[in-house]
Amino acid sequence: MINPLNAAAAYATTAAKTTGPGLSARDGASFGDVLEQAAKESIGTLKKSEDMSALASVGKADLNDVVQAVTNAEVTLQTVTAVRDKVLNAYQEILRMPM
């Protein structure tokens, strides 16, 4: 199975080595940096949901906060899954291109 992080790392490595006419230095965050930041934020959201669920199980959290955290985690997981699927489909399309 193709690992999305390895695919993103390979893309970032190739993009960093690419030089030639029409290519200029890039300013700002790279694709890999943006992807890494998004992954960290997603993990943070999932951890917050997990913590809120644990607090609720011992009666130390408000039910509304727990429901909101779990809903945020669910939306985050759906988004991450959709992005992963798009990245893998794009990678597979690249592999099918004739050389």
PDB file of N, CA and C in Angstrom:
ATOM      1  N   MET A   1       0.837  -1.180   0.000  1.00  0.00           N
ATOM      2  CA  MET A   1       0.000   0.000   0.000  1.00  0.00           C
ATOM      3  C   MET A   1       0.883   1.244   0.000  1.00  0.00           C
ATOM      4  N   ILE A   2       0.451   2.247  -0.694  1.00  0.00           N
ATOM      5  CA  ILE A   2       1.213   3.485  -0.800  1.00  0.00           C
ATOM      6  C   ILE A   2       0.971   4.325   0.447  1.00  0.00           C
ATOM      7  N   ASN A   3       2.059   4.767   1.053  1.00  0.00           N
ATOM      8  CA  ASN A   3       1.971   5.610   2.241  1.00  0.00           C
ATOM      9  C   ASN A   3       1.908   7.067   1.795  1.00  0.00           C
ATOM     10  N   PRO A   4       0.846   7.829   2.172  1.00  0.00           N
ATOM     11  CA  PRO A   4       0.723   9.215   1.724  1.00  0.00           C
ATOM     12  C   PRO A   4       1.874  10.102   2.177  1.00  0.00           C
ATOM     13  N   LEU A   5       2.408   9.848   3.367  1.00  0.00           N
ATOM     14  CA  LEU A   5       3.512  10.677   3.847  1.00  0.00           C
ATOM     15  C   LEU A   5       4.771  10.444   3.013  1.00  0.00           C
ATOM     16  N   ASN A   6       5.015   9.197   2.613  1.00  0.00           N
ATOM     17  CA  ASN A   6       6.166   8.915   1.757  1.00  0.00           C
ATOM     18  C   ASN A   6       5.988   9.565   0.382  1.00  0.00           C
ATOM     19  N   ALA A   7       4.754   9.546  -0.121  1.00  0.00           N
ATOM     20  CA  ALA A   7       4.486  10.177  -1.417  1.00  0.00           C
ATOM     21  C   ALA A   7       4.716  11.677  -1.331  1.00  0.00           C
ATOM     22  N   ALA A   8       4.255  12.300  -0.248  1.00  0.00           N
ATOM     23  CA  ALA A   8       4.451  13.744  -0.074  1.00  0.00           C
ATOM     24  C   ALA A   8       5.932  14.079   0.092  1.00  0.00           C
ATOM     25  N   ALA A   9       6.651  13.246   0.825  1.00  0.00           N
ATOM     26  CA  ALA A   9       8.080  13.474   1.017  1.00  0.00           C
ATOM     27  C   ALA A   9       8.829  13.336  -0.309  1.00  0.00           C
ATOM     28  N   ALA A  10       8.455  12.353  -1.109  1.00  0.00           N
ATOM     29  CA  ALA A  10       9.088  12.177  -2.418  1.00  0.00           C
ATOM     30  C   ALA A  10       8.821  13.386  -3.312  1.00  0.00           C
ATOM     31  N   TYR A  11       7.591  13.882  -3.271  1.00  0.00           N
ATOM     32  CA  TYR A  11       7.259  15.076  -4.046  1.00  0.00           C
ATOM     33  C   TYR A  11       8.104  16.256  -3.594  1.00  0.00           C
ATOM     34  N   ALA A  12       8.199  16.466  -2.287  1.00  0.00           N
ATOM     35  CA  ALA A  12       8.957  17.603  -1.754  1.00  0.00           C
ATOM     36  C   ALA A  12      10.430  17.503  -2.127  1.00  0.00           C
ATOM     37  N   THR A  13      10.991  16.299  -2.070  1.00  0.00           N
ATOM     38  CA  THR A  13      12.388  16.101  -2.425  1.00  0.00           C
ATOM     39  C   THR A  13      12.622  16.404  -3.906  1.00  0.00           C
ATOM     40  N   THR A  14      11.741  15.919  -4.744  1.00  0.00           N
ATOM     41  CA  THR A  14      11.861  16.156  -6.178  1.00  0.00           C
ATOM     42  C   THR A  14      11.696  17.640  -6.504  1.00  0.00           C
ATOM     43  N   ALA A  15      10.729  18.289  -5.859  1.00  0.00           N
ATOM     44  CA  ALA A  15      10.499  19.712  -6.112  1.00  0.00           C
ATOM     45  C   ALA A  15      11.695  20.543  -5.680  1.00  0.00           C
ATOM     46  N   ALA A  16      12.361  20.147  -4.595  1.00  0.00           N
ATOM     47  CA  ALA A  16      13.526  20.895  -4.113  1.00  0.00           C
ATOM     48  C   ALA A  16      14.711  20.769  -5.076  1.00  0.00           C
ATOM     49  N   LYS A  17      14.811  19.642  -5.774  1.00  0.00           N
ATOM     50  CA  LYS A  17      15.936  19.409  -6.690  1.00  0.00           C
ATOM     51  C   LYS A  17      15.698  19.981  -8.078  1.00  0.00           C
ATOM     52  N   THR A  18      14.471  20.340  -8.382  1.00  0.00           N
ATOM     53  CA  THR A  18      14.124  20.789  -9.728  1.00  0.00           C
ATOM     54  C   THR A  18      14.645  22.195  -9.980  1.00  0.00           C
ATOM     55  N   THR A  19      15.372  22.338 -11.074  1.00  0.00           N
ATOM     56  CA  THR A  19      15.837  23.652 -11.508  1.00  0.00           C
ATOM     57  C   THR A  19      15.700  23.708 -13.011  1.00  0.00           C
ATOM     58  N   GLY A  20      15.675  24.874 -13.527  1.00  0.00           N
ATOM     59  CA  GLY A  20      15.598  24.995 -14.978  1.00  0.00           C
ATOM     60  C   GLY A  20      14.964  26.295 -15.376  1.00  0.00           C
ATOM     61  N   PRO A  21      14.874  26.514 -16.694  1.00  0.00           N
ATOM     62  CA  PRO A  21      14.294  27.756 -17.183  1.00  0.00           C
ATOM     63  C   PRO A  21      12.837  27.889 -16.733  1.00  0.00           C
ATOM     64  N   GLY A  22      12.485  29.090 -16.348  1.00  0.00           N
ATOM     65  CA  GLY A  22      11.102  29.338 -15.955  1.00  0.00           C
ATOM     66  C   GLY A  22      10.808  29.028 -14.507  1.00  0.00           C
ATOM     67  N   LEU A  23      11.747  28.446 -13.818  1.00  0.00           N
ATOM     68  CA  LEU A  23      11.546  28.136 -12.412  1.00  0.00           C
ATOM     69  C   LEU A  23      12.293  29.152 -11.573  1.00  0.00           C
ATOM     70  N   SER A  24      11.610  29.708 -10.611  1.00  0.00           N
ATOM     71  CA  SER A  24      12.254  30.690  -9.748  1.00  0.00           C
ATOM     72  C   SER A  24      12.183  30.214  -8.312  1.00  0.00           C
ATOM     73  N   ALA A  25      12.911  30.890  -7.458  1.00  0.00           N
ATOM     74  CA  ALA A  25      12.910  30.529  -6.039  1.00  0.00           C
ATOM     75  C   ALA A  25      11.516  30.760  -5.466  1.00  0.00           C
ATOM     76  N   ARG A  26      11.111  29.841  -4.608  1.00  0.00           N
ATOM     77  CA  ARG A  26       9.786  29.940  -4.004  1.00  0.00           C
ATOM     78  C   ARG A  26       9.883  30.629  -2.653  1.00  0.00           C
ATOM     79  N   ASP A  27       8.919  31.465  -2.390  1.00  0.00           N
ATOM     80  CA  ASP A  27       8.806  32.092  -1.087  1.00  0.00           C
ATOM     81  C   ASP A  27       7.632  31.451  -0.361  1.00  0.00           C
ATOM     82  N   GLY A  28       7.693  31.431   0.947  1.00  0.00           N
ATOM     83  CA  GLY A  28       6.586  30.884   1.722  1.00  0.00           C
ATOM     84  C   GLY A  28       6.775  29.408   2.009  1.00  0.00           C
ATOM     85  N   ALA A  29       5.739  28.823   2.526  1.00  0.00           N
ATOM     86  CA  ALA A  29       5.792  27.419   2.939  1.00  0.00           C
ATOM     87  C   ALA A  29       5.717  26.493   1.723  1.00  0.00           C
ATOM     88  N   SER A  30       6.421  25.399   1.816  1.00  0.00           N
ATOM     89  CA  SER A  30       6.380  24.406   0.746  1.00  0.00           C
ATOM     90  C   SER A  30       5.153  23.517   0.921  1.00  0.00           C
ATOM     91  N   PHE A  31       4.881  22.729  -0.089  1.00  0.00           N
ATOM     92  CA  PHE A  31       3.760  21.797  -0.030  1.00  0.00           C
ATOM     93  C   PHE A  31       3.917  20.842   1.148  1.00  0.00           C
ATOM     94  N   GLY A  32       5.127  20.355   1.349  1.00  0.00           N
ATOM     95  CA  GLY A  32       5.383  19.440   2.460  1.00  0.00           C
ATOM     96  C   GLY A  32       5.152  20.093   3.810  1.00  0.00           C
ATOM     97  N   ASP A  33       5.539  21.378   3.932  1.00  0.00           N
ATOM     98  CA  ASP A  33       5.324  22.098   5.190  1.00  0.00           C
ATOM     99  C   ASP A  33       3.841  22.279   5.478  1.00  0.00           C
ATOM    100  N   VAL A  34       3.085  22.627   4.450  1.00  0.00           N
ATOM    101  CA  VAL A  34       1.638  22.811   4.616  1.00  0.00           C
ATOM    102  C   VAL A  34       0.986  21.490   4.997  1.00  0.00           C
ATOM    103  N   LEU A  35       1.396  20.428   4.338  1.00  0.00           N
ATOM    104  CA  LEU A  35       0.845  19.105   4.637  1.00  0.00           C
ATOM    105  C   LEU A  35       1.195  18.680   6.056  1.00  0.00           C
ATOM    106  N   GLU A  36       2.418  18.942   6.476  1.00  0.00           N
ATOM    107  CA  GLU A  36       2.837  18.592   7.833  1.00  0.00           C
ATOM    108  C   GLU A  36       2.032  19.362   8.874  1.00  0.00           C
ATOM    109  N   GLN A  37       1.842  20.655   8.648  1.00  0.00           N
ATOM    110  CA  GLN A  37       1.072  21.478   9.591  1.00  0.00           C
ATOM    111  C   GLN A  37      -0.379  20.998   9.678  1.00  0.00           C
ATOM    112  N   ALA A  38      -0.963  20.665   8.543  1.00  0.00           N
ATOM    113  CA  ALA A  38      -2.343  20.164   8.534  1.00  0.00           C
ATOM    114  C   ALA A  38      -2.449  18.844   9.293  1.00  0.00           C
ATOM    115  N   ALA A  39      -1.453  17.979   9.124  1.00  0.00           N
ATOM    116  CA  ALA A  39      -1.459  16.697   9.839  1.00  0.00           C
ATOM    117  C   ALA A  39      -1.349  16.916  11.345  1.00  0.00           C
ATOM    118  N   LYS A  40      -0.500  17.844  11.762  1.00  0.00           N
ATOM    119  CA  LYS A  40      -0.350  18.127  13.188  1.00  0.00           C
ATOM    120  C   LYS A  40      -1.639  18.691  13.779  1.00  0.00           C
ATOM    121  N   GLU A  41      -2.302  19.585  13.050  1.00  0.00           N
ATOM    122  CA  GLU A  41      -3.562  20.148  13.534  1.00  0.00           C
ATOM    123  C   GLU A  41      -4.635  19.064  13.630  1.00  0.00           C
ATOM    124  N   SER A  42      -4.657  18.160  12.670  1.00  0.00           N
ATOM    125  CA  SER A  42      -5.633  17.069  12.693  1.00  0.00           C
ATOM    126  C   SER A  42      -5.400  16.157  13.881  1.00  0.00           C
ATOM    127  N   ILE A  43      -4.159  15.839  14.131  1.00  0.00           N
ATOM    128  CA  ILE A  43      -3.828  14.984  15.280  1.00  0.00           C
ATOM    129  C   ILE A  43      -4.220  15.678  16.577  1.00  0.00           C
ATOM    130  N   GLY A  44      -3.996  16.988  16.659  1.00  0.00           N
ATOM    131  CA  GLY A  44      -4.380  17.748  17.844  1.00  0.00           C
ATOM    132  C   GLY A  44      -5.882  17.698  18.088  1.00  0.00           C
ATOM    133  N   THR A  45      -6.655  17.825  17.020  1.00  0.00           N
ATOM    134  CA  THR A  45      -8.111  17.762  17.141  1.00  0.00           C
ATOM    135  C   THR A  45      -8.553  16.393  17.627  1.00  0.00           C
ATOM    136  N   LEU A  46      -7.955  15.350  17.089  1.00  0.00           N
ATOM    137  CA  LEU A  46      -8.320  13.992  17.506  1.00  0.00           C
ATOM    138  C   LEU A  46      -7.931  13.730  18.955  1.00  0.00           C
ATOM    139  N   LYS A  47      -6.779  14.228  19.378  1.00  0.00           N
ATOM    140  CA  LYS A  47      -6.349  14.060  20.769  1.00  0.00           C
ATOM    141  C   LYS A  47      -7.268  14.809  21.725  1.00  0.00           C
ATOM    142  N   LYS A  48      -7.697  16.004  21.330  1.00  0.00           N
ATOM    143  CA  LYS A  48      -8.611  16.782  22.176  1.00  0.00           C
ATOM    144  C   LYS A  48      -9.920  16.020  22.370  1.00  0.00           C
ATOM    145  N   SER A  49     -10.418  15.435  21.306  1.00  0.00           N
ATOM    146  CA  SER A  49     -11.643  14.649  21.392  1.00  0.00           C
ATOM    147  C   SER A  49     -11.471  13.449  22.320  1.00  0.00           C
ATOM    148  N   GLU A  50     -10.340  12.811  22.185  1.00  0.00           N
ATOM    149  CA  GLU A  50     -10.045  11.650  23.036  1.00  0.00           C
ATOM    150  C   GLU A  50      -9.976  12.063  24.510  1.00  0.00           C
ATOM    151  N   ASP A  51      -9.324  13.193  24.779  1.00  0.00           N
ATOM    152  CA  ASP A  51      -9.220  13.688  26.154  1.00  0.00           C
ATOM    153  C   ASP A  51     -10.588  14.048  26.720  1.00  0.00           C
ATOM    154  N   MET A  52     -11.413  14.710  25.906  1.00  0.00           N
ATOM    155  CA  MET A  52     -12.753  15.082  26.366  1.00  0.00           C
ATOM    156  C   MET A  52     -13.595  13.849  26.641  1.00  0.00           C
ATOM    157  N   SER A  53     -13.464  12.832  25.818  1.00  0.00           N
ATOM    158  CA  SER A  53     -14.206  11.587  26.039  1.00  0.00           C
ATOM    159  C   SER A  53     -13.760  10.914  27.332  1.00  0.00           C
ATOM    160  N   ALA A  54     -12.470  10.946  27.599  1.00  0.00           N
ATOM    161  CA  ALA A  54     -11.956  10.352  28.835  1.00  0.00           C
ATOM    162  C   ALA A  54     -12.468  11.119  30.054  1.00  0.00           C
ATOM    163  N   LEU A  55     -12.490  12.446  29.968  1.00  0.00           N
ATOM    164  CA  LEU A  55     -13.016  13.247  31.074  1.00  0.00           C
ATOM    165  C   LEU A  55     -14.514  12.988  31.282  1.00  0.00           C
ATOM    166  N   ALA A  56     -15.238  12.804  30.204  1.00  0.00           N
ATOM    167  CA  ALA A  56     -16.672  12.533  30.309  1.00  0.00           C
ATOM    168  C   ALA A  56     -16.934  11.188  30.960  1.00  0.00           C
ATOM    169  N   SER A  57     -16.069  10.235  30.701  1.00  0.00           N
ATOM    170  CA  SER A  57     -16.283   8.899  31.266  1.00  0.00           C
ATOM    171  C   SER A  57     -16.138   8.886  32.788  1.00  0.00           C
ATOM    172  N   VAL A  58     -15.417   9.859  33.337  1.00  0.00           N
ATOM    173  CA  VAL A  58     -15.290   9.949  34.799  1.00  0.00           C
ATOM    174  C   VAL A  58     -16.145  11.086  35.356  1.00  0.00           C
ATOM    175  N   GLY A  59     -16.984  11.695  34.496  1.00  0.00           N
ATOM    176  CA  GLY A  59     -17.914  12.714  34.938  1.00  0.00           C
ATOM    177  C   GLY A  59     -17.312  14.081  35.165  1.00  0.00           C
ATOM    178  N   LYS A  60     -16.211  14.394  34.513  1.00  0.00           N
ATOM    179  CA  LYS A  60     -15.541  15.687  34.728  1.00  0.00           C
ATOM    180  C   LYS A  60     -15.636  16.619  33.522  1.00  0.00           C
ATOM    181  N   ALA A  61     -16.494  16.324  32.572  1.00  0.00           N
ATOM    182  CA  ALA A  61     -16.620  17.173  31.393  1.00  0.00           C
ATOM    183  C   ALA A  61     -18.085  17.436  31.095  1.00  0.00           C
ATOM    184  N   ASP A  62     -18.347  18.620  30.562  1.00  0.00           N
ATOM    185  CA  ASP A  62     -19.697  18.978  30.153  1.00  0.00           C
ATOM    186  C   ASP A  62     -20.058  18.186  28.894  1.00  0.00           C
ATOM    187  N   LEU A  63     -21.272  17.687  28.850  1.00  0.00           N
ATOM    188  CA  LEU A  63     -21.714  16.858  27.732  1.00  0.00           C
ATOM    189  C   LEU A  63     -21.661  17.627  26.411  1.00  0.00           C
ATOM    190  N   ASN A  64     -22.007  18.905  26.434  1.00  0.00           N
ATOM    191  CA  ASN A  64     -21.966  19.707  25.201  1.00  0.00           C
ATOM    192  C   ASN A  64     -20.545  19.822  24.660  1.00  0.00           C
ATOM    193  N   ASP A  65     -19.572  20.001  25.551  1.00  0.00           N
ATOM    194  CA  ASP A  65     -18.173  20.086  25.123  1.00  0.00           C
ATOM    195  C   ASP A  65     -17.705  18.765  24.519  1.00  0.00           C
ATOM    196  N   VAL A  66     -18.150  17.670  25.116  1.00  0.00           N
ATOM    197  CA  VAL A  66     -17.762  16.351  24.611  1.00  0.00           C
ATOM    198  C   VAL A  66     -18.340  16.123  23.219  1.00  0.00           C
ATOM    199  N   VAL A  67     -19.621  16.433  23.054  1.00  0.00           N
ATOM    200  CA  VAL A  67     -20.265  16.245  21.750  1.00  0.00           C
ATOM    201  C   VAL A  67     -19.596  17.117  20.690  1.00  0.00           C
ATOM    202  N   GLN A  68     -19.278  18.360  21.043  1.00  0.00           N
ATOM    203  CA  GLN A  68     -18.608  19.251  20.088  1.00  0.00           C
ATOM    204  C   GLN A  68     -17.225  18.722  19.714  1.00  0.00           C
ATOM    205  N   ALA A  69     -16.466  18.245  20.700  1.00  0.00           N
ATOM    206  CA  ALA A  69     -15.124  17.718  20.418  1.00  0.00           C
ATOM    207  C   ALA A  69     -15.194  16.467  19.544  1.00  0.00           C
ATOM    208  N   VAL A  70     -16.142  15.588  19.830  1.00  0.00           N
ATOM    209  CA  VAL A  70     -16.273  14.362  19.035  1.00  0.00           C
ATOM    210  C   VAL A  70     -16.724  14.691  17.614  1.00  0.00           C
ATOM    211  N   THR A  71     -17.632  15.651  17.477  1.00  0.00           N
ATOM    212  CA  THR A  71     -18.075  16.063  16.137  1.00  0.00           C
ATOM    213  C   THR A  71     -16.926  16.672  15.348  1.00  0.00           C
ATOM    214  N   ASN A  72     -16.120  17.512  15.996  1.00  0.00           N
ATOM    215  CA  ASN A  72     -14.945  18.089  15.326  1.00  0.00           C
ATOM    216  C   ASN A  72     -13.979  16.995  14.887  1.00  0.00           C
ATOM    217  N   ALA A  73     -13.784  16.004  15.740  1.00  0.00           N
ATOM    218  CA  ALA A  73     -12.886  14.903  15.395  1.00  0.00           C
ATOM    219  C   ALA A  73     -13.427  14.107  14.213  1.00  0.00           C
ATOM    220  N   GLU A  74     -14.736  13.909  14.186  1.00  0.00           N
ATOM    221  CA  GLU A  74     -15.346  13.160  13.087  1.00  0.00           C
ATOM    222  C   GLU A  74     -15.168  13.895  11.758  1.00  0.00           C
ATOM    223  N   VAL A  75     -15.417  15.203  11.769  1.00  0.00           N
ATOM    224  CA  VAL A  75     -15.250  16.006  10.550  1.00  0.00           C
ATOM    225  C   VAL A  75     -13.783  16.019  10.119  1.00  0.00           C
ATOM    226  N   THR A  76     -12.886  16.140  11.089  1.00  0.00           N
ATOM    227  CA  THR A  76     -11.454  16.129  10.784  1.00  0.00           C
ATOM    228  C   THR A  76     -11.039  14.801  10.152  1.00  0.00           C
ATOM    229  N   LEU A  77     -11.521  13.705  10.712  1.00  0.00           N
ATOM    230  CA  LEU A  77     -11.182  12.388  10.170  1.00  0.00           C
ATOM    231  C   LEU A  77     -11.718  12.212   8.758  1.00  0.00           C
ATOM    232  N   GLN A  78     -12.940  12.690   8.509  1.00  0.00           N
ATOM    233  CA  GLN A  78     -13.500  12.605   7.162  1.00  0.00           C
ATOM    234  C   GLN A  78     -12.681  13.438   6.176  1.00  0.00           C
ATOM    235  N   THR A  79     -12.244  14.604   6.611  1.00  0.00           N
ATOM    236  CA  THR A  79     -11.439  15.476   5.746  1.00  0.00           C
ATOM    237  C   THR A  79     -10.086  14.840   5.441  1.00  0.00           C
ATOM    238  N   VAL A  80      -9.436  14.309   6.472  1.00  0.00           N
ATOM    239  CA  VAL A  80      -8.134  13.662   6.281  1.00  0.00           C
ATOM    240  C   VAL A  80      -8.262  12.476   5.333  1.00  0.00           C
ATOM    241  N   THR A  81      -9.317  11.707   5.492  1.00  0.00           N
ATOM    242  CA  THR A  81      -9.540  10.548   4.618  1.00  0.00           C
ATOM    243  C   THR A  81      -9.752  11.000   3.168  1.00  0.00           C
ATOM    244  N   ALA A  82     -10.530  12.060   2.973  1.00  0.00           N
ATOM    245  CA  ALA A  82     -10.776  12.555   1.616  1.00  0.00           C
ATOM    246  C   ALA A  82      -9.486  13.071   0.978  1.00  0.00           C
ATOM    247  N   VAL A  83      -8.684  13.805   1.741  1.00  0.00           N
ATOM    248  CA  VAL A  83      -7.406  14.317   1.209  1.00  0.00           C
ATOM    249  C   VAL A  83      -6.471  13.163   0.887  1.00  0.00           C
ATOM    250  N   ARG A  84      -6.397  12.184   1.777  1.00  0.00           N
ATOM    251  CA  ARG A  84      -5.546  11.015   1.527  1.00  0.00           C
ATOM    252  C   ARG A  84      -5.955  10.323   0.233  1.00  0.00           C
ATOM    253  N   ASP A  85      -7.269  10.131   0.045  1.00  0.00           N
ATOM    254  CA  ASP A  85      -7.747   9.471  -1.169  1.00  0.00           C
ATOM    255  C   ASP A  85      -7.370  10.264  -2.423  1.00  0.00           C
ATOM    256  N   LYS A  86      -7.481  11.591  -2.358  1.00  0.00           N
ATOM    257  CA  LYS A  86      -7.118  12.422  -3.509  1.00  0.00           C
ATOM    258  C   LYS A  86      -5.624  12.338  -3.807  1.00  0.00           C
ATOM    259  N   VAL A  87      -4.810  12.360  -2.752  1.00  0.00           N
ATOM    260  CA  VAL A  87      -3.357  12.270  -2.943  1.00  0.00           C
ATOM    261  C   VAL A  87      -2.988  10.925  -3.555  1.00  0.00           C
ATOM    262  N   LEU A  88      -3.581   9.853  -3.048  1.00  0.00           N
ATOM    263  CA  LEU A  88      -3.274   8.527  -3.581  1.00  0.00           C
ATOM    264  C   LEU A  88      -3.745   8.381  -5.024  1.00  0.00           C
ATOM    265  N   ASN A  89      -4.915   8.918  -5.336  1.00  0.00           N
ATOM    266  CA  ASN A  89      -5.394   8.867  -6.721  1.00  0.00           C
ATOM    267  C   ASN A  89      -4.474   9.649  -7.656  1.00  0.00           C
ATOM    268  N   ALA A  90      -4.022  10.808  -7.206  1.00  0.00           N
ATOM    269  CA  ALA A  90      -3.099  11.591  -8.031  1.00  0.00           C
ATOM    270  C   ALA A  90      -1.782  10.850  -8.229  1.00  0.00           C
ATOM    271  N   TYR A  91      -1.280  10.241  -7.168  1.00  0.00           N
ATOM    272  CA  TYR A  91      -0.035   9.480  -7.260  1.00  0.00           C
ATOM    273  C   TYR A  91      -0.185   8.309  -8.223  1.00  0.00           C
ATOM    274  N   GLN A  92      -1.304   7.613  -8.153  1.00  0.00           N
ATOM    275  CA  GLN A  92      -1.538   6.489  -9.040  1.00  0.00           C
ATOM    276  C   GLN A  92      -1.674   6.950 -10.492  1.00  0.00           C
ATOM    277  N   GLU A  93      -2.271   8.118 -10.707  1.00  0.00           N
ATOM    278  CA  GLU A  93      -2.351   8.675 -12.059  1.00  0.00           C
ATOM    279  C   GLU A  93      -0.969   8.978 -12.602  1.00  0.00           C
ATOM    280  N   ILE A  94      -0.106   9.513 -11.761  1.00  0.00           N
ATOM    281  CA  ILE A  94       1.278   9.806 -12.162  1.00  0.00           C
ATOM    282  C   ILE A  94       1.993   8.511 -12.542  1.00  0.00           C
ATOM    283  N   LEU A  95       1.772   7.452 -11.754  1.00  0.00           N
ATOM    284  CA  LEU A  95       2.415   6.173 -12.063  1.00  0.00           C
ATOM    285  C   LEU A  95       1.937   5.583 -13.387  1.00  0.00           C
ATOM    286  N   ARG A  96       0.694   5.896 -13.773  1.00  0.00           N
ATOM    287  CA  ARG A  96       0.156   5.364 -15.029  1.00  0.00           C
ATOM    288  C   ARG A  96       0.604   6.158 -16.258  1.00  0.00           C
ATOM    289  N   MET A  97       1.235   7.298 -16.050  1.00  0.00           N
ATOM    290  CA  MET A  97       1.671   8.122 -17.188  1.00  0.00           C
ATOM    291  C   MET A  97       2.800   7.429 -17.935  1.00  0.00           C
ATOM    292  N   PRO A  98       2.768   7.509 -19.253  1.00  0.00           N
ATOM    293  CA  PRO A  98       3.876   6.918 -20.010  1.00  0.00           C
ATOM    294  C   PRO A  98       5.140   7.736 -19.846  1.00  0.00           C
ATOM    295  N   MET A  99       6.256   7.039 -19.861  1.00  0.00           N
ATOM    296  CA  MET A  99       7.546   7.742 -19.685  1.00  0.00           C
ATOM    297  C   MET A  99       8.188   8.017 -20.995  1.00  0.00           C
TER     298      MET A  99
END
